[in-house]
Amino acid sequence: MNGHEDDNGIVLTEAQKRARRSRSIAIALALGGLVILFYVMTLVKGPAVLEKPF
């Protein structure tokens, strides 16, 4: 195997490549949304986030 894409035996059609890209973008947007949500919730809670109950 010399690293060429054709060697692995799986060649995606253009429709499959578009579908994969769409899924990747959707996952990235969902992950980014969660990061923003957690960040905003941390800002809303303020310094109380650092206080641990004993």
N, C-alpha and C. Protein backbone atom coordinates (compact mmCIF):
# COMPACT_ATOMS: atom_id res chain seq x y z
N MET A 1 0.84 -1.19 0.00
CA MET A 1 0.00 0.00 0.00
C MET A 1 0.88 1.24 0.00
N ASN A 2 0.62 2.10 -0.94
CA ASN A 2 1.45 3.30 -1.05
C ASN A 2 0.71 4.58 -0.69
N GLY A 3 -0.49 4.46 -0.07
CA GLY A 3 -1.18 5.64 0.44
C GLY A 3 -2.16 6.30 -0.52
N HIS A 4 -2.38 5.71 -1.69
CA HIS A 4 -3.34 6.31 -2.61
C HIS A 4 -4.75 5.95 -2.18
N GLU A 5 -5.71 6.85 -2.43
CA GLU A 5 -7.09 6.63 -2.02
C GLU A 5 -7.69 5.43 -2.74
N ASP A 6 -7.30 5.17 -3.95
CA ASP A 6 -7.87 4.07 -4.72
C ASP A 6 -7.46 2.71 -4.17
N ASP A 7 -6.41 2.64 -3.37
CA ASP A 7 -5.92 1.38 -2.85
C ASP A 7 -6.83 0.76 -1.81
N ASN A 8 -7.64 1.58 -1.13
CA ASN A 8 -8.47 1.03 -0.05
C ASN A 8 -9.74 0.36 -0.57
N GLY A 9 -10.07 0.51 -1.83
CA GLY A 9 -11.21 -0.16 -2.42
C GLY A 9 -12.53 0.55 -2.22
N ILE A 10 -12.56 1.64 -1.47
CA ILE A 10 -13.80 2.38 -1.25
C ILE A 10 -13.67 3.74 -1.92
N VAL A 11 -14.54 3.96 -2.89
CA VAL A 11 -14.56 5.25 -3.58
C VAL A 11 -15.95 5.84 -3.41
N LEU A 12 -16.02 7.00 -2.79
CA LEU A 12 -17.31 7.63 -2.53
C LEU A 12 -17.78 8.39 -3.77
N THR A 13 -19.09 8.36 -3.97
CA THR A 13 -19.66 9.16 -5.04
C THR A 13 -19.72 10.61 -4.58
N GLU A 14 -19.97 11.50 -5.49
CA GLU A 14 -20.08 12.93 -5.14
C GLU A 14 -21.22 13.15 -4.16
N ALA A 15 -22.33 12.44 -4.33
CA ALA A 15 -23.46 12.58 -3.41
C ALA A 15 -23.07 12.14 -2.01
N GLN A 16 -22.30 11.06 -1.90
CA GLN A 16 -21.86 10.58 -0.59
C GLN A 16 -20.89 11.57 0.05
N LYS A 17 -20.02 12.17 -0.78
CA LYS A 17 -19.08 13.17 -0.25
C LYS A 17 -19.82 14.39 0.26
N ARG A 18 -20.87 14.83 -0.47
CA ARG A 18 -21.67 15.97 -0.03
C ARG A 18 -22.41 15.64 1.26
N ALA A 19 -22.96 14.42 1.35
CA ALA A 19 -23.68 14.00 2.55
C ALA A 19 -22.73 13.96 3.75
N ARG A 20 -21.51 13.45 3.54
CA ARG A 20 -20.53 13.39 4.63
C ARG A 20 -20.17 14.80 5.09
N ARG A 21 -19.98 15.69 4.12
CA ARG A 21 -19.63 17.08 4.48
C ARG A 21 -20.78 17.74 5.24
N SER A 22 -22.01 17.50 4.80
CA SER A 22 -23.17 18.08 5.49
C SER A 22 -23.26 17.57 6.92
N ARG A 23 -23.04 16.27 7.12
CA ARG A 23 -23.05 15.70 8.47
C ARG A 23 -21.95 16.30 9.32
N SER A 24 -20.77 16.45 8.75
CA SER A 24 -19.64 17.02 9.50
C SER A 24 -19.94 18.45 9.93
N ILE A 25 -20.53 19.23 9.03
CA ILE A 25 -20.87 20.61 9.36
C ILE A 25 -21.94 20.65 10.44
N ALA A 26 -22.94 19.77 10.36
CA ALA A 26 -24.00 19.73 11.36
C ALA A 26 -23.44 19.36 12.73
N ILE A 27 -22.53 18.39 12.77
CA ILE A 27 -21.91 17.99 14.04
C ILE A 27 -21.07 19.13 14.60
N ALA A 28 -20.32 19.81 13.74
CA ALA A 28 -19.49 20.93 14.19
C ALA A 28 -20.35 22.06 14.75
N LEU A 29 -21.47 22.37 14.10
CA LEU A 29 -22.36 23.42 14.58
C LEU A 29 -22.99 23.04 15.92
N ALA A 30 -23.40 21.77 16.06
CA ALA A 30 -23.99 21.32 17.31
C ALA A 30 -22.96 21.40 18.44
N LEU A 31 -21.74 20.96 18.18
CA LEU A 31 -20.70 21.02 19.19
C LEU A 31 -20.38 22.47 19.56
N GLY A 32 -20.29 23.33 18.56
CA GLY A 32 -20.05 24.75 18.82
C GLY A 32 -21.17 25.37 19.63
N GLY A 33 -22.40 24.98 19.35
CA GLY A 33 -23.54 25.48 20.10
C GLY A 33 -23.48 25.06 21.56
N LEU A 34 -23.07 23.81 21.81
CA LEU A 34 -22.94 23.35 23.19
C LEU A 34 -21.84 24.11 23.93
N VAL A 35 -20.74 24.35 23.25
CA VAL A 35 -19.65 25.10 23.87
C VAL A 35 -20.13 26.50 24.26
N ILE A 36 -20.84 27.15 23.35
CA ILE A 36 -21.36 28.50 23.63
C ILE A 36 -22.37 28.44 24.77
N LEU A 37 -23.24 27.43 24.78
CA LEU A 37 -24.22 27.28 25.85
C LEU A 37 -23.54 27.13 27.21
N PHE A 38 -22.53 26.27 27.29
CA PHE A 38 -21.82 26.07 28.56
C PHE A 38 -21.11 27.34 28.98
N TYR A 39 -20.54 28.06 28.03
CA TYR A 39 -19.84 29.32 28.34
C TYR A 39 -20.82 30.34 28.91
N VAL A 40 -21.97 30.49 28.24
CA VAL A 40 -22.97 31.46 28.69
C VAL A 40 -23.49 31.08 30.07
N MET A 41 -23.74 29.78 30.29
CA MET A 41 -24.23 29.35 31.60
C MET A 41 -23.20 29.62 32.68
N THR A 42 -21.92 29.47 32.36
CA THR A 42 -20.87 29.77 33.33
C THR A 42 -20.86 31.26 33.65
N LEU A 43 -21.04 32.11 32.64
CA LEU A 43 -21.10 33.54 32.88
C LEU A 43 -22.32 33.91 33.73
N VAL A 44 -23.44 33.26 33.48
CA VAL A 44 -24.66 33.56 34.22
C VAL A 44 -24.50 33.18 35.70
N LYS A 45 -23.88 32.04 35.95
CA LYS A 45 -23.70 31.61 37.34
C LYS A 45 -22.66 32.47 38.05
N GLY A 46 -21.73 33.04 37.32
CA GLY A 46 -20.74 33.93 37.91
C GLY A 46 -19.75 33.21 38.80
N PRO A 47 -19.25 33.91 39.80
CA PRO A 47 -18.22 33.32 40.66
C PRO A 47 -18.73 32.13 41.49
N ALA A 48 -20.03 31.94 41.57
CA ALA A 48 -20.57 30.82 42.34
C ALA A 48 -20.11 29.48 41.77
N VAL A 49 -19.67 29.45 40.54
CA VAL A 49 -19.20 28.21 39.93
C VAL A 49 -17.99 27.69 40.69
N LEU A 50 -17.16 28.59 41.23
CA LEU A 50 -15.93 28.19 41.90
C LEU A 50 -16.17 27.77 43.34
N GLU A 51 -17.32 28.07 43.91
CA GLU A 51 -17.62 27.73 45.30
C GLU A 51 -18.14 26.29 45.38
N LYS A 52 -17.44 25.47 46.15
CA LYS A 52 -17.84 24.08 46.28
C LYS A 52 -18.50 23.86 47.64
N PRO A 53 -19.67 23.25 47.66
CA PRO A 53 -20.32 22.96 48.94
C PRO A 53 -19.55 21.89 49.70
N PHE A 54 -19.49 22.03 51.02
CA PHE A 54 -18.77 21.04 51.83
C PHE A 54 -19.74 20.17 52.58
